[in-house]
Structure formats: C-alpha cells, structure tokens
N, C-alpha and C. Protein backbone atom coordinates (compact mmCIF):
# COMPACT_ATOMS: atom_id res chain seq x y z
N MET A 1 -1.05 -11.54 1.74
CA MET A 1 -1.58 -10.51 1.77
C MET A 1 -0.71 -9.15 1.42
N GLU A 2 -1.09 -7.96 0.68
CA GLU A 2 -0.63 -7.18 0.37
C GLU A 2 -0.21 -6.11 1.67
N ASP A 3 1.01 -5.49 1.94
CA ASP A 3 1.07 -4.95 2.60
C ASP A 3 0.42 -3.64 3.41
N LYS A 4 -0.02 -2.64 2.40
CA LYS A 4 -1.02 -1.78 2.14
C LYS A 4 -2.04 -2.18 2.97
N ILE A 5 -2.79 -3.26 2.32
CA ILE A 5 -4.17 -3.81 2.90
C ILE A 5 -4.20 -4.18 4.44
N MET A 6 -2.80 -4.69 4.80
CA MET A 6 -2.70 -5.25 6.03
C MET A 6 -2.33 -4.28 7.07
N MET A 7 -1.50 -3.57 6.64
CA MET A 7 -1.46 -2.26 7.50
C MET A 7 -2.88 -1.16 7.99
N SER A 8 -3.48 -1.17 6.90
CA SER A 8 -4.90 -0.43 6.73
C SER A 8 -6.00 -1.30 7.65
N THR A 9 -5.66 -2.59 7.44
CA THR A 9 -6.68 -3.32 8.40
C THR A 9 -5.98 -3.23 9.76
N VAL A 10 -4.92 -3.15 10.01
CA VAL A 10 -4.42 -3.00 11.57
C VAL A 10 -4.61 -1.52 11.85
N LEU A 11 -4.52 -0.73 11.13
CA LEU A 11 -4.72 0.57 11.60
C LEU A 11 -6.30 0.79 11.74
N GLY A 12 -7.13 0.18 11.32
CA GLY A 12 -8.53 0.13 11.29
C GLY A 12 -8.86 -0.39 13.03
N ASN A 13 -8.39 -1.75 13.02
CA ASN A 13 -8.77 -2.27 14.18
C ASN A 13 -7.85 -1.11 15.49
N VAL A 14 -6.89 -0.93 15.13
CA VAL A 14 -6.54 0.00 16.51
C VAL A 14 -7.22 1.12 16.67
N LYS A 15 -7.85 1.94 15.43
CA LYS A 15 -8.59 2.71 15.85
C LYS A 15 -10.00 2.51 16.66
N GLY A 16 -10.43 1.45 16.44
CA GLY A 16 -11.47 0.42 17.04
C GLY A 16 -11.11 0.74 18.59
N MET A 17 -10.20 0.04 18.79
CA MET A 17 -9.31 -0.21 20.19
C MET A 17 -9.49 1.35 20.91
N CYS A 18 -8.70 2.27 20.12
CA CYS A 18 -9.07 3.66 20.88
C CYS A 18 -10.23 4.06 21.29
N ASP A 19 -11.26 3.96 20.39
CA ASP A 19 -12.82 4.14 20.78
C ASP A 19 -13.17 3.44 22.10
N LEU A 20 -12.64 2.26 21.87
CA LEU A 20 -13.06 1.29 23.16
C LEU A 20 -12.60 1.84 24.42
N MET A 21 -10.91 2.10 24.11
CA MET A 21 -10.13 2.58 25.68
C MET A 21 -11.13 4.04 25.98
N MET A 22 -11.07 4.79 25.16
CA MET A 22 -11.68 6.10 25.40
C MET A 22 -12.99 6.10 26.29
N HIS A 23 -13.85 5.13 25.67
CA HIS A 23 -15.29 4.95 26.16
C HIS A 23 -14.95 4.21 27.76
N GLY A 24 -14.06 3.43 27.90
CA GLY A 24 -13.42 2.68 29.14
C GLY A 24 -13.13 3.81 30.04
N THR A 25 -12.34 4.79 29.50
CA THR A 25 -11.62 6.04 30.48
C THR A 25 -13.04 6.73 30.89
N ILE A 26 -13.95 7.00 29.97
CA ILE A 26 -14.90 8.09 30.08
C ILE A 26 -15.79 7.66 31.31
N GLU A 27 -16.08 6.10 31.12
CA GLU A 27 -17.02 5.22 32.24
C GLU A 27 -16.63 5.05 33.34
N SER A 28 -15.25 5.04 33.71
CA SER A 28 -14.69 4.35 34.60
C SER A 28 -15.55 4.93 36.06
N SER A 29 -15.41 3.95 36.97
CA SER A 29 -16.07 4.28 38.24
C SER A 29 -15.18 4.34 39.32
N THR A 30 -14.00 3.99 39.17
CA THR A 30 -13.17 4.16 40.05
C THR A 30 -11.57 4.94 39.46
N PRO A 31 -10.88 5.45 40.07
CA PRO A 31 -9.53 5.83 39.74
C PRO A 31 -8.84 5.12 39.18
N ALA A 32 -8.56 3.77 39.70
CA ALA A 32 -7.92 2.97 39.21
C ALA A 32 -7.86 2.49 38.07
N VAL A 33 -9.50 2.10 37.79
CA VAL A 33 -9.81 1.69 36.52
C VAL A 33 -9.45 2.36 35.55
N HIS A 34 -10.04 4.05 35.78
CA HIS A 34 -9.83 5.09 34.90
C HIS A 34 -8.38 5.19 34.77
N GLY A 35 -7.34 5.19 35.37
CA GLY A 35 -6.12 4.95 35.03
C GLY A 35 -5.59 3.99 33.86
N ALA A 36 -6.01 2.85 34.42
CA ALA A 36 -5.90 1.52 33.60
C ALA A 36 -6.18 2.01 32.38
N PHE A 37 -7.51 2.33 32.02
CA PHE A 37 -7.87 2.67 30.70
C PHE A 37 -7.30 3.97 30.07
N GLN A 38 -7.13 4.96 30.63
CA GLN A 38 -6.21 5.96 30.22
C GLN A 38 -4.91 5.72 29.77
N CYS A 39 -4.20 4.41 30.56
CA CYS A 39 -2.84 4.08 30.03
C CYS A 39 -2.88 3.35 28.74
N ALA A 40 -4.20 2.61 28.99
CA ALA A 40 -4.13 1.67 27.58
C ALA A 40 -4.17 2.64 26.31
N LEU A 41 -5.65 3.82 26.50
CA LEU A 41 -5.81 4.81 25.67
C LEU A 41 -4.54 5.50 25.03
N ASP A 42 -3.78 5.59 25.90
CA ASP A 42 -2.31 6.40 25.44
C ASP A 42 -1.63 5.45 24.53
N ASP A 43 -1.40 4.12 24.97
CA ASP A 43 -0.57 3.11 23.85
C ASP A 43 -1.39 2.94 22.66
N MET A 44 -2.60 3.06 22.80
CA MET A 44 -3.29 2.62 21.58
C MET A 44 -2.94 4.23 20.56
N LEU A 45 -3.18 5.23 21.11
CA LEU A 45 -3.07 6.18 20.26
C LEU A 45 -1.38 6.56 20.03
N CYS A 46 -0.28 5.94 20.57
CA CYS A 46 0.93 5.92 19.81
C CYS A 46 1.04 5.06 18.61
N MET A 47 0.57 4.01 19.13
CA MET A 47 0.57 2.69 18.13
C MET A 47 -0.27 3.27 16.87
N GLN A 48 -1.43 3.90 16.95
CA GLN A 48 -2.00 4.51 15.84
C GLN A 48 -1.33 5.18 14.96
N ASN A 49 -0.58 6.37 15.63
CA ASN A 49 0.32 7.34 15.46
C ASN A 49 1.50 6.69 14.37
N ARG A 50 2.12 5.67 15.12
CA ARG A 50 3.31 5.40 14.22
C ARG A 50 2.73 4.30 13.01
N ILE A 51 1.62 3.81 13.06
CA ILE A 51 1.01 3.07 11.77
C ILE A 51 0.49 4.18 10.83
N TYR A 52 -0.02 5.19 11.31
CA TYR A 52 -0.46 6.11 10.49
C TYR A 52 1.17 6.97 9.65
N ASN A 53 1.93 7.12 10.55
CA ASN A 53 3.18 7.90 10.18
C ASN A 53 3.71 6.86 8.79
N GLU A 54 3.86 5.73 9.53
CA GLU A 54 4.47 4.65 8.08
C GLU A 54 3.79 4.52 6.82
N MET A 55 2.31 4.52 7.02
CA MET A 55 1.53 4.54 5.74
C MET A 55 1.77 5.81 4.92
N SER A 56 1.78 7.05 6.07
CA SER A 56 1.74 8.20 4.96
C SER A 56 3.10 8.22 4.43
N ALA A 57 4.14 7.71 4.76
CA ALA A 57 5.49 7.98 4.39
C ALA A 57 5.62 6.77 3.26
N LYS A 58 4.69 6.17 3.12
CA LYS A 58 4.90 4.95 1.70
C LYS A 58 4.03 5.67 0.76
N GLY A 59 3.16 6.44 1.41
CA GLY A 59 2.23 7.24 0.02
C GLY A 59 1.07 6.43 0.11
N TRP A 60 0.66 5.73 1.00
CA TRP A 60 -0.73 4.55 1.28
C TRP A 60 -1.48 5.42 2.22
N TYR A 61 -1.29 6.78 2.88
CA TYR A 61 -2.57 7.64 3.60
C TYR A 61 -2.30 8.72 3.13
N PRO A 62 -2.77 9.09 1.73
CA PRO A 62 -2.43 10.63 1.54
C PRO A 62 -3.64 11.22 2.12
N ALA A 63 -2.85 12.59 2.46
CA ALA A 63 -3.97 13.85 3.26
C ALA A 63 -3.95 14.92 2.15
N GLU A 64 -4.98 15.29 2.22
CA GLU A 64 -5.32 16.46 1.13
C GLU A 64 -5.17 17.98 2.33
N GLN A 65 -4.31 18.79 1.79
CA GLN A 65 -4.41 20.12 2.60
C GLN A 65 -5.72 21.02 2.37
N ALA A 66 -6.04 21.01 3.79
CA ALA A 66 -7.54 22.03 3.46
C ALA A 66 -7.40 23.36 3.07
N GLU A 67 -8.29 23.69 2.14
CA GLU A 67 -8.44 25.00 1.66
C GLU A 67 -8.54 25.91 2.73
N ALA A 68 -7.61 27.21 2.56
CA ALA A 68 -7.77 28.17 3.62
C ALA A 68 -9.14 28.77 3.80
N GLN A 69 -9.92 28.86 2.69
CA GLN A 69 -11.20 29.61 2.77
C GLN A 69 -12.26 28.75 3.67
N LYS A 70 -12.23 26.93 3.66
CA LYS A 70 -13.16 26.70 4.22
C LYS A 70 -12.71 26.31 5.82
N ILE A 71 -11.40 26.71 5.87
CA ILE A 71 -11.00 26.45 7.32
C ILE A 71 -11.45 27.91 7.90
N ALA A 72 -11.34 28.98 7.26
CA ALA A 72 -12.14 30.38 7.74
C ALA A 72 -13.39 30.33 8.11
N ASN A 73 -14.02 29.74 7.02
CA ASN A 73 -15.82 29.48 7.16
C ASN A 73 -16.04 28.70 8.29
N ILE A 74 -15.52 27.60 8.89
CA ILE A 74 -15.66 26.88 9.68
C ILE A 74 -15.56 27.62 11.15
N LYS A 75 -14.17 28.31 11.25
CA LYS A 75 -13.70 28.83 12.30
C LYS A 75 -14.87 30.09 12.77
N GLN A 76 -15.69 30.80 11.34
CA GLN A 76 -16.52 31.93 11.40
C GLN A 76 -17.95 31.07 12.20
N LYS A 77 -18.31 29.96 11.58
CA LYS A 77 -19.23 29.32 11.94
C LYS A 77 -19.29 29.19 13.34
N PHE A 78 -18.42 28.35 13.99
CA PHE A 78 -18.30 27.99 15.49
C PHE A 78 -18.08 29.23 16.41
N SER A 79 -17.56 30.54 15.78
CA SER A 79 -17.41 31.22 16.61
C SER A 79 -18.58 32.28 17.00
N ASN A 80 -19.39 32.22 16.01
CA ASN A 80 -20.94 32.45 16.03
C ASN A 80 -22.12 31.94 16.87
N THR A 81 -21.46 30.53 17.34
CA THR A 81 -22.25 29.72 17.94
C THR A 81 -21.83 29.81 19.44
N GLN A 82 -21.10 30.58 19.73
CA GLN A 82 -20.61 30.67 21.58
C GLN A 82 -21.07 31.63 22.01
C-alpha cells in the first residue's frame, strides 16, 4: 500500500478515535472515568497532530491560506450574534 494512502487511512482512524474519546469524556459519570477518557483523548490528539505534521511535511495534506476578507466576514457575522 502506498505510504500516502496508508497514512491518510491511519489519520482518519485516529480522528474517529478522537471523536469517541471526546464523547466519552463529555458523557463520563465519575471523575475517574472522565480522567481516563480525557487522558486518552489527549494522547489521540497528540498522535493526530504528529501524523498531520508528517503528512503536511511530505506535501500529502496541503492546506490553503484563508482569505483575509473571508475571515473578517465570519468574525463580523459571529460578533453580531452575541
């Protein structure tokens, strides 16, 4: 399997695990369970970041710079809703 495809698949799986750990953290009924899920979530987020950084360094996960005007429009939109 090509490295790019394999890393993309792993990144998708890790993102899914982040989602599960986040929901486990939110829905925890005791401090101990909450702490366990939160620790696992932190670990998954670190893993996701390392994979993303590696893919980005190889040009496999290009990111586009957002236009300043679009950012300003979104800021304005949400500042009016408060």
